[in-house]
PDB file of all heavy atoms in Angstrom:
ATOM      1  N   VAL A   1      42.603 -98.739  55.781  1.00  0.00           N
ATOM      2  CA  VAL A   1      43.411 -97.611  55.340  1.00  0.00           C
ATOM      3  C   VAL A   1      44.846 -97.791  55.861  1.00  0.00           C
ATOM      4  O   VAL A   1      45.138 -97.963  57.037  1.00  0.00           O
ATOM      5  CB  VAL A   1      42.849 -96.236  55.902  1.00  0.00           C
ATOM      6  CG1 VAL A   1      43.871 -95.113  55.435  1.00  0.00           C
ATOM      7  CG2 VAL A   1      41.438 -95.982  55.362  1.00  0.00           C
ATOM      8  N   TRP A   2      45.802 -97.970  54.885  1.00  0.00           N
ATOM      9  CA  TRP A   2      47.172 -98.225  55.233  1.00  0.00           C
ATOM     10  C   TRP A   2      48.163 -97.167  54.784  1.00  0.00           C
ATOM     11  O   TRP A   2      48.126 -96.925  53.629  1.00  0.00           O
ATOM     12  CB  TRP A   2      47.511 -99.619  54.438  1.00  0.00           C
ATOM     13  CG  TRP A   2      48.692-100.425  54.761  1.00  0.00           C
ATOM     14  CD1 TRP A   2      49.946-100.101  54.378  1.00  0.00           C
ATOM     15  CD2 TRP A   2      48.709-101.538  55.524  1.00  0.00           C
ATOM     16  NE1 TRP A   2      50.757-101.052  54.758  1.00  0.00           N
ATOM     17  CE2 TRP A   2      50.114-101.996  55.453  1.00  0.00           C
ATOM     18  CE3 TRP A   2      47.882-102.361  56.159  1.00  0.00           C
ATOM     19  CZ2 TRP A   2      50.538-103.129  56.155  1.00  0.00           C
ATOM     20  CZ3 TRP A   2      48.280-103.551  56.767  1.00  0.00           C
ATOM     21  CH2 TRP A   2      49.606-103.904  56.871  1.00  0.00           C
ATOM     22  N   THR A   3      48.810 -96.724  55.804  1.00  0.00           N
ATOM     23  CA  THR A   3      49.690 -95.511  55.522  1.00  0.00           C
ATOM     24  C   THR A   3      51.004 -95.705  55.977  1.00  0.00           C
ATOM     25  O   THR A   3      51.298 -96.175  57.090  1.00  0.00           O
ATOM     26  CB  THR A   3      48.949 -94.216  56.286  1.00  0.00           C
ATOM     27  OG1 THR A   3      47.756 -93.995  55.998  1.00  0.00           O
ATOM     28  CG2 THR A   3      49.856 -92.984  55.916  1.00  0.00           C
ATOM     29  N   ILE A   4      52.041 -95.386  55.061  1.00  0.00           N
ATOM     30  CA  ILE A   4      53.373 -95.610  55.512  1.00  0.00           C
ATOM     31  C   ILE A   4      53.985 -94.160  55.222  1.00  0.00           C
ATOM     32  O   ILE A   4      53.880 -93.669  54.157  1.00  0.00           O
ATOM     33  CB  ILE A   4      54.181 -96.556  54.591  1.00  0.00           C
ATOM     34  CG1 ILE A   4      53.456 -97.980  54.697  1.00  0.00           C
ATOM     35  CG2 ILE A   4      55.639 -96.635  54.965  1.00  0.00           C
ATOM     36  CD1 ILE A   4      54.060 -99.034  53.958  1.00  0.00           C
ATOM     37  N   SER A   5      54.565 -93.502  56.254  1.00  0.00           N
ATOM     38  CA  SER A   5      55.156 -92.220  56.110  1.00  0.00           C
ATOM     39  C   SER A   5      56.372 -92.229  55.290  1.00  0.00           C
ATOM     40  O   SER A   5      57.088 -93.280  55.456  1.00  0.00           O
ATOM     41  CB  SER A   5      55.354 -91.545  57.504  1.00  0.00           C
ATOM     42  OG  SER A   5      56.440 -92.381  58.148  1.00  0.00           O
ATOM     43  N   GLY A   6      56.781 -91.182  54.547  1.00  0.00           N
ATOM     44  CA  GLY A   6      57.973 -91.179  53.846  1.00  0.00           C
ATOM     45  C   GLY A   6      57.914 -90.562  52.588  1.00  0.00           C
ATOM     46  O   GLY A   6      56.711 -90.473  52.071  1.00  0.00           O
ATOM     47  N   PRO A   7      58.931 -90.182  51.929  1.00  0.00           N
ATOM     48  CA  PRO A   7      58.937 -89.473  50.570  1.00  0.00           C
ATOM     49  C   PRO A   7      58.693 -90.444  49.508  1.00  0.00           C
ATOM     50  O   PRO A   7      59.521 -91.232  49.227  1.00  0.00           O
ATOM     51  CB  PRO A   7      60.332 -88.774  50.552  1.00  0.00           C
ATOM     52  CG  PRO A   7      61.178 -89.735  51.348  1.00  0.00           C
ATOM     53  CD  PRO A   7      60.330 -90.205  52.498  1.00  0.00           C
ATOM     54  N   VAL A   8      57.475 -90.406  48.867  1.00  0.00           N
ATOM     55  CA  VAL A   8      57.118 -91.365  47.953  1.00  0.00           C
ATOM     56  C   VAL A   8      57.875 -91.290  46.600  1.00  0.00           C
ATOM     57  O   VAL A   8      58.072 -92.263  45.863  1.00  0.00           O
ATOM     58  CB  VAL A   8      55.637 -91.326  47.531  1.00  0.00           C
ATOM     59  CG1 VAL A   8      54.715 -91.597  48.677  1.00  0.00           C
ATOM     60  CG2 VAL A   8      55.259 -89.986  46.964  1.00  0.00           C
ATOM     61  N   ASP A   9      58.630 -90.078  46.373  1.00  0.00           N
ATOM     62  CA  ASP A   9      59.485 -90.089  45.231  1.00  0.00           C
ATOM     63  C   ASP A   9      60.759 -90.894  45.247  1.00  0.00           C
ATOM     64  O   ASP A   9      61.228 -91.300  44.277  1.00  0.00           O
ATOM     65  CB  ASP A   9      59.687 -88.581  44.894  1.00  0.00           C
ATOM     66  CG  ASP A   9      60.411 -87.837  45.997  1.00  0.00           C
ATOM     67  OD1 ASP A   9      60.161 -88.196  47.223  1.00  0.00           O
ATOM     68  OD2 ASP A   9      61.050 -86.839  45.773  1.00  0.00           O
ATOM     69  N   ILE A  10      61.125 -91.098  46.480  1.00  0.00           N
ATOM     70  CA  ILE A  10      62.300 -91.965  46.732  1.00  0.00           C
ATOM     71  C   ILE A  10      61.966 -93.325  47.228  1.00  0.00           C
ATOM     72  O   ILE A  10      62.684 -94.306  46.956  1.00  0.00           O
ATOM     73  CB  ILE A  10      63.284 -91.302  47.703  1.00  0.00           C
ATOM     74  CG1 ILE A  10      63.787 -89.971  47.059  1.00  0.00           C
ATOM     75  CG2 ILE A  10      64.498 -92.195  48.021  1.00  0.00           C
ATOM     76  CD1 ILE A  10      64.574 -89.086  47.967  1.00  0.00           C
ATOM     77  N   LEU A  11      60.931 -93.504  48.043  1.00  0.00           N
ATOM     78  CA  LEU A  11      60.400 -94.620  48.636  1.00  0.00           C
ATOM     79  C   LEU A  11      58.935 -94.917  48.190  1.00  0.00           C
ATOM     80  O   LEU A  11      58.072 -94.580  48.805  1.00  0.00           O
ATOM     81  CB  LEU A  11      60.479 -94.575  50.214  1.00  0.00           C
ATOM     82  CG  LEU A  11      61.840 -94.257  50.824  1.00  0.00           C
ATOM     83  CD1 LEU A  11      61.660 -93.906  52.351  1.00  0.00           C
ATOM     84  CD2 LEU A  11      62.785 -95.337  50.450  1.00  0.00           C
ATOM     85  N   PRO A  12      58.801 -95.422  46.941  1.00  0.00           N
ATOM     86  CA  PRO A  12      57.514 -95.473  46.337  1.00  0.00           C
ATOM     87  C   PRO A  12      56.616 -96.360  47.086  1.00  0.00           C
ATOM     88  O   PRO A  12      55.320 -96.274  46.851  1.00  0.00           O
ATOM     89  CB  PRO A  12      57.718 -96.026  44.959  1.00  0.00           C
ATOM     90  CG  PRO A  12      59.277 -95.952  44.729  1.00  0.00           C
ATOM     91  CD  PRO A  12      59.805 -95.837  46.045  1.00  0.00           C
ATOM     92  N   PHE A  13      56.949 -97.141  48.029  1.00  0.00           N
ATOM     93  CA  PHE A  13      56.118 -98.070  48.782  1.00  0.00           C
ATOM     94  C   PHE A  13      55.357 -97.200  49.959  1.00  0.00           C
ATOM     95  O   PHE A  13      54.496 -97.629  50.675  1.00  0.00           O
ATOM     96  CB  PHE A  13      56.793 -99.276  49.404  1.00  0.00           C
ATOM     97  CG  PHE A  13      58.190 -98.973  50.020  1.00  0.00           C
ATOM     98  CD1 PHE A  13      58.138 -98.516  51.360  1.00  0.00           C
ATOM     99  CD2 PHE A  13      59.222 -99.032  49.302  1.00  0.00           C
ATOM    100  CE1 PHE A  13      59.256 -98.216  51.934  1.00  0.00           C
ATOM    101  CE2 PHE A  13      60.480 -98.778  49.939  1.00  0.00           C
ATOM    102  CZ  PHE A  13      60.421 -98.453  51.206  1.00  0.00           C
ATOM    103  N   CYS A  14      55.862 -96.033  50.060  1.00  0.00           N
ATOM    104  CA  CYS A  14      55.175 -95.095  51.110  1.00  0.00           C
ATOM    105  C   CYS A  14      53.967 -94.485  50.530  1.00  0.00           C
ATOM    106  O   CYS A  14      53.712 -94.649  49.414  1.00  0.00           O
ATOM    107  CB  CYS A  14      56.124 -93.858  51.548  1.00  0.00           C
ATOM    108  SG  CYS A  14      57.657 -94.618  52.407  1.00  0.00           S
ATOM    109  N   GLY A  15      53.269 -93.865  51.361  1.00  0.00           N
ATOM    110  CA  GLY A  15      52.004 -93.194  50.958  1.00  0.00           C
ATOM    111  C   GLY A  15      50.682 -93.900  51.622  1.00  0.00           C
ATOM    112  O   GLY A  15      50.971 -94.772  52.463  1.00  0.00           O
ATOM    113  N   GLN A  16      49.635 -93.584  51.109  1.00  0.00           N
ATOM    114  CA  GLN A  16      48.377 -94.248  51.676  1.00  0.00           C
ATOM    115  C   GLN A  16      47.742 -95.110  50.587  1.00  0.00           C
ATOM    116  O   GLN A  16      47.581 -94.768  49.511  1.00  0.00           O
ATOM    117  CB  GLN A  16      47.421 -93.136  52.112  1.00  0.00           C
ATOM    118  CG  GLN A  16      46.294 -93.622  52.896  1.00  0.00           C
ATOM    119  CD  GLN A  16      45.436 -92.493  53.477  1.00  0.00           C
ATOM    120  OE1 GLN A  16      44.545 -92.012  52.755  1.00  0.00           O
ATOM    121  NE2 GLN A  16      45.637 -92.260  54.626  1.00  0.00           N
ATOM    122  N   ARG A  17      47.239 -96.265  51.145  1.00  0.00           N
ATOM    123  CA  ARG A  17      46.449 -97.218  50.258  1.00  0.00           C
ATOM    124  C   ARG A  17      45.186 -97.425  51.077  1.00  0.00           C
ATOM    125  O   ARG A  17      45.149 -97.512  52.192  1.00  0.00           O
ATOM    126  CB  ARG A  17      47.192 -98.569  50.152  1.00  0.00           C
ATOM    127  CG  ARG A  17      48.651 -98.633  49.587  1.00  0.00           C
ATOM    128  CD  ARG A  17      48.907 -97.755  48.370  1.00  0.00           C
ATOM    129  NE  ARG A  17      50.186 -98.025  47.758  1.00  0.00           N
ATOM    130  CZ  ARG A  17      51.300 -97.420  47.996  1.00  0.00           C
ATOM    131  NH1 ARG A  17      51.379 -96.773  49.103  1.00  0.00           N
ATOM    132  NH2 ARG A  17      52.403 -97.756  47.384  1.00  0.00           N
ATOM    133  N   ALA A  18      44.130 -97.454  50.326  1.00  0.00           N
ATOM    134  CA  ALA A  18      42.839 -97.678  50.947  1.00  0.00           C
ATOM    135  C   ALA A  18      42.153 -98.978  50.277  1.00  0.00           C
ATOM    136  O   ALA A  18      42.354 -99.126  49.007  1.00  0.00           O
ATOM    137  CB  ALA A  18      41.906 -96.495  50.644  1.00  0.00           C
ATOM    138  N   GLY A  19      41.679 -99.784  51.107  1.00  0.00           N
ATOM    139  CA  GLY A  19      40.974-101.038  50.676  1.00  0.00           C
ATOM    140  C   GLY A  19      42.000-102.230  50.734  1.00  0.00           C
ATOM    141  O   GLY A  19      43.231-102.013  50.536  1.00  0.00           O
ATOM    142  N   LYS A  20      41.420-103.329  50.971  1.00  0.00           N
ATOM    143  CA  LYS A  20      42.206-104.548  51.099  1.00  0.00           C
ATOM    144  C   LYS A  20      43.073-104.930  49.884  1.00  0.00           C
ATOM    145  O   LYS A  20      44.113-105.212  49.893  1.00  0.00           O
ATOM    146  CB  LYS A  20      41.212-105.729  51.350  1.00  0.00           C
ATOM    147  CG  LYS A  20      41.812-107.094  51.722  1.00  0.00           C
ATOM    148  CD  LYS A  20      40.719-108.026  52.215  1.00  0.00           C
ATOM    149  CE  LYS A  20      41.336-109.249  52.781  1.00  0.00           C
ATOM    150  NZ  LYS A  20      40.107-110.259  53.201  1.00  0.00           N
ATOM    151  N   ASP A  21      42.348-104.705  48.710  1.00  0.00           N
ATOM    152  CA  ASP A  21      43.061-105.052  47.446  1.00  0.00           C
ATOM    153  C   ASP A  21      44.282-104.219  47.215  1.00  0.00           C
ATOM    154  O   ASP A  21      45.355-104.571  46.795  1.00  0.00           O
ATOM    155  CB  ASP A  21      42.114-104.892  46.255  1.00  0.00           C
ATOM    156  CG  ASP A  21      41.004-105.983  46.219  1.00  0.00           C
ATOM    157  OD1 ASP A  21      41.221-107.025  46.850  1.00  0.00           O
ATOM    158  OD2 ASP A  21      40.002-105.814  45.558  1.00  0.00           O
ATOM    159  N   GLY A  22      44.127-102.897  47.499  1.00  0.00           N
ATOM    160  CA  GLY A  22      45.292-102.018  47.426  1.00  0.00           C
ATOM    161  C   GLY A  22      46.363-102.179  48.296  1.00  0.00           C
ATOM    162  O   GLY A  22      47.489-102.103  47.996  1.00  0.00           O
ATOM    163  N   VAL A  23      46.085-102.646  49.586  1.00  0.00           N
ATOM    164  CA  VAL A  23      47.182-103.052  50.604  1.00  0.00           C
ATOM    165  C   VAL A  23      47.817-104.254  50.116  1.00  0.00           C
ATOM    166  O   VAL A  23      49.007-104.413  50.198  1.00  0.00           O
ATOM    167  CB  VAL A  23      46.403-103.157  51.925  1.00  0.00           C
ATOM    168  CG1 VAL A  23      47.519-103.810  52.899  1.00  0.00           C
ATOM    169  CG2 VAL A  23      45.961-101.865  52.440  1.00  0.00           C
ATOM    170  N   MET A  24      46.960-105.266  49.701  1.00  0.00           N
ATOM    171  CA  MET A  24      47.655-106.562  49.199  1.00  0.00           C
ATOM    172  C   MET A  24      48.510-106.323  47.874  1.00  0.00           C
ATOM    173  O   MET A  24      49.625-106.992  47.823  1.00  0.00           O
ATOM    174  CB  MET A  24      46.585-107.600  48.956  1.00  0.00           C
ATOM    175  CG  MET A  24      45.848-108.024  50.286  1.00  0.00           C
ATOM    176  SD  MET A  24      46.851-108.514  51.570  1.00  0.00           S
ATOM    177  CE  MET A  24      47.714-110.068  50.833  1.00  0.00           C
ATOM    178  N   LYS A  25      48.202-105.426  47.093  1.00  0.00           N
ATOM    179  CA  LYS A  25      49.003-105.170  45.980  1.00  0.00           C
ATOM    180  C   LYS A  25      50.283-104.457  46.386  1.00  0.00           C
ATOM    181  O   LYS A  25      51.348-104.750  45.880  1.00  0.00           O
ATOM    182  CB  LYS A  25      48.268-104.143  44.881  1.00  0.00           C
ATOM    183  CG  LYS A  25      49.101-103.886  43.783  1.00  0.00           C
ATOM    184  CD  LYS A  25      48.330-102.917  42.793  1.00  0.00           C
ATOM    185  CE  LYS A  25      49.224-102.463  41.642  1.00  0.00           C
ATOM    186  NZ  LYS A  25      50.307-101.622  41.940  1.00  0.00           N
ATOM    187  N   LEU A  26      50.258-103.572  47.436  1.00  0.00           N
ATOM    188  CA  LEU A  26      51.406-102.982  47.861  1.00  0.00           C
ATOM    189  C   LEU A  26      52.349-104.030  48.503  1.00  0.00           C
ATOM    190  O   LEU A  26      53.657-104.013  48.238  1.00  0.00           O
ATOM    191  CB  LEU A  26      50.983-101.956  49.113  1.00  0.00           C
ATOM    192  CG  LEU A  26      52.153-101.487  49.946  1.00  0.00           C
ATOM    193  CD1 LEU A  26      53.086-100.639  49.181  1.00  0.00           C
ATOM    194  CD2 LEU A  26      51.557-100.834  51.186  1.00  0.00           C
ATOM    195  N   LEU A  27      51.740-104.865  49.309  1.00  0.00           N
ATOM    196  CA  LEU A  27      52.614-105.860  49.967  1.00  0.00           C
ATOM    197  C   LEU A  27      53.183-107.090  49.059  1.00  0.00           C
ATOM    198  O   LEU A  27      54.209-107.515  49.321  1.00  0.00           O
ATOM    199  CB  LEU A  27      51.847-106.542  51.235  1.00  0.00           C
ATOM    200  CG  LEU A  27      51.441-105.476  52.247  1.00  0.00           C
ATOM    201  CD1 LEU A  27      50.501-106.199  53.251  1.00  0.00           C
ATOM    202  CD2 LEU A  27      52.661-104.966  52.940  1.00  0.00           C
ATOM    203  N   MET A  28      52.422-107.401  48.057  1.00  0.00           N
ATOM    204  CA  MET A  28      52.755-108.466  47.156  1.00  0.00           C
ATOM    205  C   MET A  28      53.471-108.141  45.954  1.00  0.00           C
ATOM    206  O   MET A  28      54.226-108.761  45.417  1.00  0.00           O
ATOM    207  CB  MET A  28      51.532-109.285  46.842  1.00  0.00           C
ATOM    208  CG  MET A  28      50.894-109.950  48.032  1.00  0.00           C
ATOM    209  SD  MET A  28      49.388-110.766  47.659  1.00  0.00           S
ATOM    210  CE  MET A  28      49.914-112.155  46.616  1.00  0.00           C
ATOM    211  N   GLN A  29      53.321-106.828  45.466  1.00  0.00           N
ATOM    212  CA  GLN A  29      53.916-106.363  44.217  1.00  0.00           C
ATOM    213  C   GLN A  29      54.769-105.104  44.422  1.00  0.00           C
ATOM    214  O   GLN A  29      55.883-105.141  44.020  1.00  0.00           O
ATOM    215  CB  GLN A  29      52.885-106.102  43.146  1.00  0.00           C
ATOM    216  CG  GLN A  29      51.985-107.315  42.770  1.00  0.00           C
ATOM    217  CD  GLN A  29      50.846-106.958  41.900  1.00  0.00           C
ATOM    218  OE1 GLN A  29      50.817-105.920  41.373  1.00  0.00           O
ATOM    219  NE2 GLN A  29      49.974-107.936  41.751  1.00  0.00           N
ATOM    220  N   ASP A  30      54.124-104.026  44.851  1.00  0.00           N
ATOM    221  CA  ASP A  30      54.818-102.737  44.984  1.00  0.00           C
ATOM    222  C   ASP A  30      56.170-102.792  45.774  1.00  0.00           C
ATOM    223  O   ASP A  30      57.128-102.459  45.374  1.00  0.00           O
ATOM    224  CB  ASP A  30      53.965-101.688  45.336  1.00  0.00           C
ATOM    225  CG  ASP A  30      52.771-101.597  44.485  1.00  0.00           C
ATOM    226  OD1 ASP A  30      52.772-102.024  43.338  1.00  0.00           O
ATOM    227  OD2 ASP A  30      51.670-100.815  44.922  1.00  0.00           O
ATOM    228  N   SER A  31      55.991-103.142  47.040  1.00  0.00           N
ATOM    229  CA  SER A  31      57.117-103.155  47.883  1.00  0.00           C
ATOM    230  C   SER A  31      58.322-104.154  47.589  1.00  0.00           C
ATOM    231  O   SER A  31      59.452-103.794  47.499  1.00  0.00           O
ATOM    232  CB  SER A  31      56.603-103.447  49.360  1.00  0.00           C
ATOM    233  OG  SER A  31      57.697-103.466  50.219  1.00  0.00           O
ATOM    234  N   PRO A  32      57.861-105.413  47.129  1.00  0.00           N
ATOM    235  CA  PRO A  32      58.950-106.258  46.706  1.00  0.00           C
ATOM    236  C   PRO A  32      59.680-105.864  45.453  1.00  0.00           C
ATOM    237  O   PRO A  32      60.738-106.265  45.198  1.00  0.00           O
ATOM    238  CB  PRO A  32      58.111-107.554  46.355  1.00  0.00           C
ATOM    239  CG  PRO A  32      56.915-107.442  47.224  1.00  0.00           C
ATOM    240  CD  PRO A  32      56.504-105.971  47.259  1.00  0.00           C
ATOM    241  N   THR A  33      59.149-104.816  44.622  1.00  0.00           N
ATOM    242  CA  THR A  33      59.818-104.291  43.535  1.00  0.00           C
ATOM    243  C   THR A  33      61.079-103.700  43.964  1.00  0.00           C
ATOM    244  O   THR A  33      62.073-103.726  43.221  1.00  0.00           O
ATOM    245  CB  THR A  33      58.967-103.334  42.750  1.00  0.00           C
ATOM    246  OG1 THR A  33      57.843-104.068  42.295  1.00  0.00           O
ATOM    247  CG2 THR A  33      59.743-102.690  41.676  1.00  0.00           C
ATOM    248  N   PHE A  34      61.119-103.086  45.257  1.00  0.00           N
ATOM    249  CA  PHE A  34      62.298-102.308  45.722  1.00  0.00           C
ATOM    250  C   PHE A  34      63.086-103.166  46.765  1.00  0.00           C
ATOM    251  O   PHE A  34      64.223-103.004  46.826  1.00  0.00           O
ATOM    252  CB  PHE A  34      61.865-101.065  46.205  1.00  0.00           C
ATOM    253  CG  PHE A  34      61.270-100.156  45.153  1.00  0.00           C
ATOM    254  CD1 PHE A  34      59.933-100.222  45.025  1.00  0.00           C
ATOM    255  CD2 PHE A  34      62.097 -99.422  44.371  1.00  0.00           C
ATOM    256  CE1 PHE A  34      59.349 -99.320  43.975  1.00  0.00           C
ATOM    257  CE2 PHE A  34      61.540 -98.619  43.428  1.00  0.00           C
ATOM    258  CZ  PHE A  34      60.196 -98.542  43.154  1.00  0.00           C
ATOM    259  N   LEU A  35      62.337-103.922  47.582  1.00  0.00           N
ATOM    260  CA  LEU A  35      62.996-104.525  48.720  1.00  0.00           C
ATOM    261  C   LEU A  35      62.726-105.994  48.635  1.00  0.00           C
ATOM    262  O   LEU A  35      61.520-106.396  48.365  1.00  0.00           O
ATOM    263  CB  LEU A  35      62.563-104.072  49.982  1.00  0.00           C
ATOM    264  CG  LEU A  35      62.615-102.567  50.197  1.00  0.00           C
ATOM    265  CD1 LEU A  35      61.911-102.156  51.638  1.00  0.00           C
ATOM    266  CD2 LEU A  35      64.116-102.237  50.311  1.00  0.00           C
ATOM    267  N   SER A  36      63.693-106.974  48.875  1.00  0.00           N
ATOM    268  CA  SER A  36      63.479-108.362  49.009  1.00  0.00           C
ATOM    269  C   SER A  36      63.954-108.794  50.469  1.00  0.00           C
ATOM    270  O   SER A  36      64.594-108.019  51.129  1.00  0.00           O
ATOM    271  CB  SER A  36      64.313-109.128  47.982  1.00  0.00           C
ATOM    272  OG  SER A  36      65.750-108.967  48.086  1.00  0.00           O
ATOM    273  N   ASP A  37      63.601-109.850  50.885  1.00  0.00           N
ATOM    274  CA  ASP A  37      64.004-110.458  52.142  1.00  0.00           C
ATOM    275  C   ASP A  37      63.563-109.589  53.259  1.00  0.00           C
ATOM    276  O   ASP A  37      64.299-109.380  54.351  1.00  0.00           O
ATOM    277  CB  ASP A  37      65.388-110.822  52.252  1.00  0.00           C
ATOM    278  CG  ASP A  37      65.930-111.748  51.004  1.00  0.00           C
ATOM    279  OD1 ASP A  37      65.169-112.654  50.776  1.00  0.00           O
ATOM    280  OD2 ASP A  37      66.935-111.481  50.532  1.00  0.00           O
ATOM    281  N   ARG A  38      62.461-108.848  53.096  1.00  0.00           N
ATOM    282  CA  ARG A  38      62.053-107.972  54.193  1.00  0.00           C
ATOM    283  C   ARG A  38      61.653-108.542  55.449  1.00  0.00           C
ATOM    284  O   ARG A  38      61.016-109.657  55.414  1.00  0.00           O
ATOM    285  CB  ARG A  38      60.906-107.128  53.661  1.00  0.00           C
ATOM    286  CG  ARG A  38      60.360-106.076  54.693  1.00  0.00           C
ATOM    287  CD  ARG A  38      59.050-105.465  54.073  1.00  0.00           C
ATOM    288  NE  ARG A  38      58.069-106.494  53.950  1.00  0.00           N
ATOM    289  CZ  ARG A  38      57.044-106.911  54.680  1.00  0.00           C
ATOM    290  NH1 ARG A  38      56.814-106.103  55.776  1.00  0.00           N
ATOM    291  NH2 ARG A  38      56.265-107.807  54.472  1.00  0.00           N
TER     292      ARG A  38
END
C-alpha cells in the first residue's frame, strides 16, 4: 500500500495505490507525466 499525501486535483501522483502493479504504474507512468529528472 503506497500513499502520497497531497491534493490529487493539483498533484495527480498523490493519493493511495494498492498492489505492486499499481505502484509500478505510478512510478513508471503517472508521476513521470508531470515530473522529470526526479
